Amino acid sequence: PGSPKNPSSLGFKVKDHDPKDISSLIALGYKAALSGQTEAAITLYKQALGQESSNTNVLFALASLYHRLAQYKEAKIHYRKLLTLSPDYKKALNNYLVLMSEESPSQALVELKELEKDNPDFSPIQAQIGMIYAQIGDFNLAEQHLRRAIILSPEVLNYRYNLGVVYDNMKRYNEAISLYKQVVDGSGTGDILPQSSNSIRNRMTYLQEKIAVQRD
């Protein structure tokens, strides 16, 4: 059976639930989402959206939940509506960029370029564009955008790691090693990296040995 949709199943009495009270709906939706009852949370947030269609927090919650369920069409609808209302809603923009990249790199690149015009200094846009260029094998443009992302947000280790991978693919091993070292040295900052520190160190060692062989 699916997740329960009746607010009473979330530990609230039905008589305590006012369908016209948006604050109550949001609180119940949040509780449902936290407890893993995603379908129930969606139902409650949709009721809240019916009361206040321009509530950006509710739109973000719905978009995120649909994204979690891999219902990408619905997620995109809610992200787009939210970003139309609030273009500076950075969490929504970042999630939307990730979603587009997961679906269709070529289409994502078109949309990202449009978003870049309005948000030229938002590092996740630059990073996502760089990653898509890397994915399609255009490492020069990937380097350009990832370097820009690092300039905008030097504290984000993932950008340095991804640029290191780009240099690795370009056989610019010394530059790759330098970035990998920066990532490993800063790995205690709490960033979640695509690879473990040990894996990155192993790659650095391999590249150093490869450079040594080439010199010989």
Foldseek 3Di string as FASTA:
>chain_A
DAQDQQLVVLVDDNVVDDLLDLVSLQVSLVSCVVVVRLVNSLNSLVSSCVNPVQPLVSLQSNLVSCVVVVVLVSNLVSLVSSCVSPVPPLVSVLVNLVSVCVPDLVVSLVVLVVNCVVVVLNLSSLQSNLVSCVVVPNLVSSLVSLVSSCVSPVLQLQSLQVNLVSCVVVVVLVSSLVSLVVSLVNVVPPHDYPDDNVVSVVVSVVSVVVVVVVVD
